[in-house]
Every structure is written in structure tokens, then in C-alpha cells.
Amino acid sequence: MVYSDMFKRKMIQKMSGTDPISACALSKQVDVPQSTLSKWLRNAGIEPFIGFSNNTYDKEVHMRHTKTAKRPEDWKTEKKLAVVLEAASLSDEQLGAFLRSKGLHETHLQQWRL
């Protein structure tokens, strides 16, 4: 089914606003698949909140975070080049720590070198 951009923005706001609702709960309210709602939220760059409850009577604690890091596949060409050049001057031990700090795998470097 095709949804309007306005509808998508409204659903994203409900899942990420001041009193967020989970994609699962919203799915039941608006009859849109949970996976679709979660995808819209991810595409908007927002991590879904996670609700925790000690028992059914406790109020849920909502945690959500705005994504700050992009997937390596989404990096700009200039940033990829800078990482490849910096990695070229590192030893194997330094390279492992460098890749972890950037959230990368060696396969990313191999692909970007090509």
C-alpha cells in the first residue's frame, strides 16, 4: 500500500515525539505493519525507543536516541578516501583499533580501495 508523506511524518512523530509510542503498539492502532513503521523511523534517522517494565503496572521507561553515526555504506566519498588514506599508514595492531573506533570492518576498506 502507498502512504502519503504527510501520513508517514505523522507516524514518525508519534513514535519519536515527547510521549513516544512503539511501532508495535502504533501498528495495532493504525493498521500499518510494524515493520513498515520501523522502516520509516530508521529512514528518518531515529532509533526506536525501548520500553522496560518490571511488571504490568509499572510505567514504561522510554529510551530513544537520534542516530549520529551513519552506516559505512552511507558515508560520503571524501570521508571514505580520508579513512582509506589514514588506514594505509597504520600497523596491523593499530588498524584493528582504528577500524573499531570508526565502526568499520576491513572489508569496508577493501571495497573502498577498489
N, C-alpha and C. Protein backbone atom coordinates (compact mmCIF):
# COMPACT_ATOMS: atom_id res chain seq x y z
N MET A 1 0.84 -1.18 0.00
CA MET A 1 0.00 0.00 0.00
C MET A 1 0.88 1.25 0.00
N VAL A 2 0.46 2.30 -0.67
CA VAL A 2 1.20 3.55 -0.74
C VAL A 2 0.63 4.51 0.30
N TYR A 3 1.54 5.09 1.10
CA TYR A 3 1.14 6.04 2.14
C TYR A 3 1.68 7.42 1.77
N SER A 4 0.93 8.46 2.10
CA SER A 4 1.37 9.82 1.79
C SER A 4 2.53 10.21 2.70
N ASP A 5 3.33 11.16 2.24
CA ASP A 5 4.44 11.65 3.05
C ASP A 5 3.93 12.29 4.34
N MET A 6 2.80 12.96 4.27
CA MET A 6 2.24 13.59 5.46
C MET A 6 1.85 12.54 6.50
N PHE A 7 1.27 11.43 6.05
CA PHE A 7 0.91 10.34 6.95
C PHE A 7 2.16 9.75 7.59
N LYS A 8 3.20 9.54 6.77
CA LYS A 8 4.46 8.97 7.29
C LYS A 8 5.07 9.88 8.36
N ARG A 9 5.09 11.19 8.08
CA ARG A 9 5.65 12.14 9.06
C ARG A 9 4.86 12.12 10.37
N LYS A 10 3.54 11.99 10.25
CA LYS A 10 2.69 11.96 11.44
C LYS A 10 2.99 10.70 12.27
N MET A 11 3.19 9.57 11.61
CA MET A 11 3.50 8.33 12.31
C MET A 11 4.89 8.40 12.96
N ILE A 12 5.86 8.98 12.24
CA ILE A 12 7.21 9.14 12.80
C ILE A 12 7.15 10.03 14.04
N GLN A 13 6.35 11.09 13.98
CA GLN A 13 6.20 11.98 15.13
C GLN A 13 5.62 11.23 16.32
N LYS A 14 4.64 10.37 16.07
CA LYS A 14 4.04 9.60 17.16
C LYS A 14 5.04 8.64 17.79
N MET A 15 5.97 8.13 16.98
CA MET A 15 6.95 7.17 17.50
C MET A 15 8.18 7.84 18.10
N SER A 16 8.36 9.15 17.86
CA SER A 16 9.58 9.79 18.33
C SER A 16 9.34 11.09 19.08
N GLY A 17 8.11 11.50 19.26
CA GLY A 17 7.79 12.77 19.91
C GLY A 17 8.04 12.74 21.41
N THR A 18 7.42 13.67 22.11
CA THR A 18 7.63 13.80 23.54
C THR A 18 7.04 12.63 24.34
N ASP A 19 6.02 12.02 23.85
CA ASP A 19 5.41 10.85 24.50
C ASP A 19 5.33 9.73 23.47
N PRO A 20 6.50 9.13 23.13
CA PRO A 20 6.53 8.18 22.01
C PRO A 20 5.78 6.89 22.27
N ILE A 21 5.33 6.30 21.20
CA ILE A 21 4.64 5.02 21.24
C ILE A 21 5.46 4.05 20.37
N SER A 22 5.48 2.80 20.74
CA SER A 22 6.26 1.82 19.98
C SER A 22 5.62 1.56 18.62
N ALA A 23 6.44 1.13 17.68
CA ALA A 23 5.93 0.80 16.35
C ALA A 23 4.92 -0.34 16.44
N CYS A 24 5.15 -1.25 17.37
CA CYS A 24 4.23 -2.38 17.53
C CYS A 24 2.85 -1.90 18.00
N ALA A 25 2.84 -1.03 19.01
CA ALA A 25 1.57 -0.52 19.52
C ALA A 25 0.86 0.37 18.49
N LEU A 26 1.65 1.21 17.81
CA LEU A 26 1.06 2.09 16.80
C LEU A 26 0.50 1.28 15.64
N SER A 27 1.17 0.19 15.31
CA SER A 27 0.71 -0.68 14.24
C SER A 27 -0.72 -1.18 14.51
N LYS A 28 -0.98 -1.53 15.75
CA LYS A 28 -2.31 -2.01 16.11
C LYS A 28 -3.35 -0.90 16.03
N GLN A 29 -2.92 0.34 16.31
CA GLN A 29 -3.85 1.47 16.28
C GLN A 29 -4.22 1.90 14.86
N VAL A 30 -3.22 1.91 13.98
CA VAL A 30 -3.45 2.49 12.65
C VAL A 30 -3.48 1.46 11.53
N ASP A 31 -3.33 0.20 11.87
CA ASP A 31 -3.39 -0.89 10.90
C ASP A 31 -2.35 -0.75 9.77
N VAL A 32 -1.11 -0.41 10.20
CA VAL A 32 0.04 -0.37 9.30
C VAL A 32 1.02 -1.39 9.87
N PRO A 33 1.62 -2.22 9.05
CA PRO A 33 2.55 -3.23 9.58
C PRO A 33 3.67 -2.60 10.42
N GLN A 34 4.01 -3.26 11.52
CA GLN A 34 5.07 -2.78 12.41
C GLN A 34 6.38 -2.62 11.67
N SER A 35 6.68 -3.54 10.77
CA SER A 35 7.94 -3.45 10.03
C SER A 35 7.99 -2.19 9.16
N THR A 36 6.86 -1.81 8.61
CA THR A 36 6.78 -0.59 7.80
C THR A 36 7.02 0.64 8.66
N LEU A 37 6.38 0.69 9.82
CA LEU A 37 6.57 1.83 10.73
C LEU A 37 8.02 1.92 11.19
N SER A 38 8.61 0.79 11.54
CA SER A 38 10.01 0.77 11.98
C SER A 38 10.94 1.24 10.87
N LYS A 39 10.64 0.85 9.64
CA LYS A 39 11.45 1.26 8.49
C LYS A 39 11.38 2.77 8.30
N TRP A 40 10.19 3.35 8.43
CA TRP A 40 10.05 4.80 8.31
C TRP A 40 10.87 5.51 9.37
N LEU A 41 10.85 4.97 10.58
CA LEU A 41 11.59 5.57 11.69
C LEU A 41 13.09 5.49 11.43
N ARG A 42 13.57 4.35 10.96
CA ARG A 42 15.00 4.19 10.62
C ARG A 42 15.40 5.14 9.51
N ASN A 43 14.58 5.23 8.48
CA ASN A 43 14.88 6.10 7.35
C ASN A 43 14.89 7.57 7.76
N ALA A 44 14.16 7.90 8.81
CA ALA A 44 14.15 9.28 9.32
C ALA A 44 15.38 9.55 10.18
N GLY A 45 16.17 8.50 10.46
CA GLY A 45 17.38 8.67 11.25
C GLY A 45 17.15 8.66 12.74
N ILE A 46 16.09 8.00 13.17
CA ILE A 46 15.75 7.96 14.59
C ILE A 46 15.70 6.52 15.05
N GLU A 47 16.35 6.26 16.19
CA GLU A 47 16.30 4.93 16.76
C GLU A 47 15.00 4.80 17.55
N PRO A 48 14.33 3.67 17.47
CA PRO A 48 13.09 3.48 18.23
C PRO A 48 13.37 3.43 19.71
N PHE A 49 12.38 3.85 20.51
CA PHE A 49 12.57 3.75 21.96
C PHE A 49 12.38 2.30 22.38
N ILE A 50 12.92 1.99 23.55
CA ILE A 50 12.79 0.65 24.10
C ILE A 50 12.07 0.78 25.42
N GLY A 51 10.99 0.06 25.59
CA GLY A 51 10.25 0.13 26.84
C GLY A 51 10.63 -1.00 27.78
N PHE A 52 10.86 -0.67 29.05
CA PHE A 52 11.17 -1.66 30.07
C PHE A 52 10.11 -1.57 31.14
N SER A 53 9.72 -2.70 31.69
CA SER A 53 8.74 -2.69 32.75
C SER A 53 9.02 -3.86 33.68
N ASN A 54 9.05 -3.58 35.01
CA ASN A 54 9.25 -4.65 35.98
C ASN A 54 8.00 -5.50 36.13
N ASN A 55 6.85 -4.89 36.00
CA ASN A 55 5.60 -5.64 35.99
C ASN A 55 4.58 -4.86 35.16
N THR A 56 3.43 -5.43 35.02
CA THR A 56 2.43 -4.83 34.13
C THR A 56 1.90 -3.50 34.65
N TYR A 57 2.08 -3.21 35.93
CA TYR A 57 1.54 -1.97 36.48
C TYR A 57 2.56 -0.83 36.47
N ASP A 58 3.82 -1.15 36.23
CA ASP A 58 4.84 -0.11 36.19
C ASP A 58 4.74 0.69 34.91
N LYS A 59 5.05 1.95 35.01
CA LYS A 59 5.09 2.80 33.82
C LYS A 59 6.35 2.47 33.04
N GLU A 60 6.23 2.40 31.72
CA GLU A 60 7.39 2.09 30.89
C GLU A 60 8.37 3.24 30.89
N VAL A 61 9.64 2.88 30.83
CA VAL A 61 10.70 3.86 30.67
C VAL A 61 11.02 3.90 29.19
N HIS A 62 10.92 5.07 28.59
CA HIS A 62 11.15 5.19 27.17
C HIS A 62 12.54 5.72 26.91
N MET A 63 13.25 5.01 26.09
CA MET A 63 14.59 5.43 25.71
C MET A 63 14.65 5.50 24.20
N ARG A 64 15.12 6.61 23.68
CA ARG A 64 15.31 6.72 22.25
C ARG A 64 16.51 7.61 22.00
N HIS A 65 17.17 7.38 20.92
CA HIS A 65 18.37 8.13 20.59
C HIS A 65 18.33 8.50 19.12
N THR A 66 18.77 9.69 18.83
CA THR A 66 18.92 10.09 17.44
C THR A 66 20.20 9.48 16.92
N LYS A 67 20.14 8.92 15.76
CA LYS A 67 21.34 8.34 15.16
C LYS A 67 22.34 9.44 14.87
N THR A 68 23.57 9.23 15.31
CA THR A 68 24.62 10.18 14.99
C THR A 68 25.56 9.60 13.96
N ALA A 69 25.74 8.30 14.00
CA ALA A 69 26.66 7.66 13.05
C ALA A 69 25.87 7.07 11.90
N LYS A 70 26.40 7.24 10.72
CA LYS A 70 25.77 6.64 9.55
C LYS A 70 26.41 5.29 9.29
N ARG A 71 25.70 4.48 8.55
CA ARG A 71 26.28 3.21 8.13
C ARG A 71 27.44 3.51 7.20
N PRO A 72 28.47 2.67 7.20
CA PRO A 72 29.60 2.90 6.30
C PRO A 72 29.18 3.03 4.84
N GLU A 73 28.11 2.36 4.46
CA GLU A 73 27.62 2.44 3.09
C GLU A 73 27.10 3.83 2.75
N ASP A 74 26.74 4.61 3.78
CA ASP A 74 26.16 5.94 3.57
C ASP A 74 27.20 7.06 3.64
N TRP A 75 28.46 6.72 3.91
CA TRP A 75 29.49 7.75 4.05
C TRP A 75 29.72 8.44 2.72
N LYS A 76 30.10 9.71 2.78
CA LYS A 76 30.45 10.45 1.58
C LYS A 76 31.80 9.99 1.06
N THR A 77 32.02 10.15 -0.22
CA THR A 77 33.24 9.70 -0.86
C THR A 77 34.48 10.32 -0.23
N GLU A 78 34.41 11.59 0.14
CA GLU A 78 35.56 12.27 0.73
C GLU A 78 35.95 11.64 2.07
N LYS A 79 34.96 11.27 2.86
CA LYS A 79 35.24 10.66 4.15
C LYS A 79 35.83 9.26 3.96
N LYS A 80 35.30 8.52 2.99
CA LYS A 80 35.84 7.19 2.70
C LYS A 80 37.30 7.29 2.30
N LEU A 81 37.62 8.25 1.44
CA LEU A 81 39.00 8.43 0.99
C LEU A 81 39.91 8.78 2.16
N ALA A 82 39.47 9.66 3.04
CA ALA A 82 40.27 10.05 4.19
C ALA A 82 40.56 8.85 5.09
N VAL A 83 39.58 8.00 5.29
CA VAL A 83 39.76 6.81 6.12
C VAL A 83 40.73 5.84 5.46
N VAL A 84 40.59 5.64 4.16
CA VAL A 84 41.50 4.74 3.43
C VAL A 84 42.93 5.24 3.53
N LEU A 85 43.14 6.53 3.35
CA LEU A 85 44.48 7.10 3.42
C LEU A 85 45.07 7.00 4.83
N GLU A 86 44.25 7.27 5.83
CA GLU A 86 44.73 7.18 7.21
C GLU A 86 45.07 5.74 7.58
N ALA A 87 44.23 4.81 7.14
CA ALA A 87 44.45 3.39 7.46
C ALA A 87 45.71 2.85 6.80
N ALA A 88 46.08 3.40 5.65
CA ALA A 88 47.25 2.90 4.91
C ALA A 88 48.54 3.08 5.69
N SER A 89 48.58 4.04 6.59
CA SER A 89 49.81 4.31 7.33
C SER A 89 49.87 3.58 8.68
N LEU A 90 48.91 2.74 8.99
CA LEU A 90 48.84 2.08 10.30
C LEU A 90 49.36 0.65 10.25
N SER A 91 49.90 0.20 11.39
CA SER A 91 50.30 -1.20 11.52
C SER A 91 49.04 -2.04 11.71
N ASP A 92 49.20 -3.36 11.68
CA ASP A 92 48.05 -4.25 11.84
C ASP A 92 47.35 -4.05 13.19
N GLU A 93 48.15 -3.89 14.26
CA GLU A 93 47.56 -3.69 15.59
C GLU A 93 46.81 -2.36 15.65
N GLN A 94 47.41 -1.33 15.09
CA GLN A 94 46.78 -0.02 15.08
C GLN A 94 45.54 0.00 14.19
N LEU A 95 45.61 -0.75 13.10
CA LEU A 95 44.49 -0.79 12.16
C LEU A 95 43.24 -1.36 12.81
N GLY A 96 43.40 -2.43 13.59
CA GLY A 96 42.24 -3.02 14.26
C GLY A 96 41.56 -2.03 15.19
N ALA A 97 42.34 -1.32 15.99
CA ALA A 97 41.77 -0.33 16.91
C ALA A 97 41.14 0.82 16.13
N PHE A 98 41.79 1.23 15.05
CA PHE A 98 41.27 2.31 14.21
C PHE A 98 39.91 1.94 13.61
N LEU A 99 39.82 0.73 13.06
CA LEU A 99 38.57 0.28 12.46
C LEU A 99 37.45 0.21 13.49
N ARG A 100 37.76 -0.30 14.68
CA ARG A 100 36.75 -0.38 15.74
C ARG A 100 36.26 1.01 16.13
N SER A 101 37.19 1.96 16.21
CA SER A 101 36.79 3.31 16.61
C SER A 101 35.89 3.97 15.57
N LYS A 102 36.02 3.58 14.32
CA LYS A 102 35.20 4.13 13.24
C LYS A 102 33.95 3.30 12.97
N GLY A 103 33.84 2.14 13.62
CA GLY A 103 32.69 1.26 13.37
C GLY A 103 32.77 0.58 12.02
N LEU A 104 33.98 0.26 11.58
CA LEU A 104 34.20 -0.33 10.26
C LEU A 104 34.76 -1.73 10.37
N HIS A 105 34.70 -2.44 9.27
CA HIS A 105 35.35 -3.74 9.11
C HIS A 105 36.38 -3.61 8.01
N GLU A 106 37.32 -4.52 8.01
CA GLU A 106 38.37 -4.47 6.99
C GLU A 106 37.79 -4.59 5.58
N THR A 107 36.67 -5.28 5.45
CA THR A 107 36.05 -5.41 4.13
C THR A 107 35.61 -4.05 3.58
N HIS A 108 35.21 -3.12 4.47
CA HIS A 108 34.86 -1.78 4.01
C HIS A 108 36.06 -1.12 3.36
N LEU A 109 37.21 -1.21 4.02
CA LEU A 109 38.43 -0.62 3.45
C LEU A 109 38.77 -1.26 2.11
N GLN A 110 38.65 -2.56 2.03
CA GLN A 110 38.96 -3.26 0.78
C GLN A 110 38.05 -2.79 -0.36
N GLN A 111 36.77 -2.66 -0.07
CA GLN A 111 35.81 -2.19 -1.08
C GLN A 111 36.12 -0.75 -1.49
N TRP A 112 36.42 0.09 -0.50
CA TRP A 112 36.66 1.49 -0.79
C TRP A 112 37.96 1.70 -1.56
N ARG A 113 38.94 0.84 -1.32
CA ARG A 113 40.20 0.95 -2.08
C ARG A 113 39.97 0.68 -3.55
N LEU A 114 39.08 -0.26 -3.83
CA LEU A 114 38.78 -0.59 -5.23
C LEU A 114 38.05 0.56 -5.89
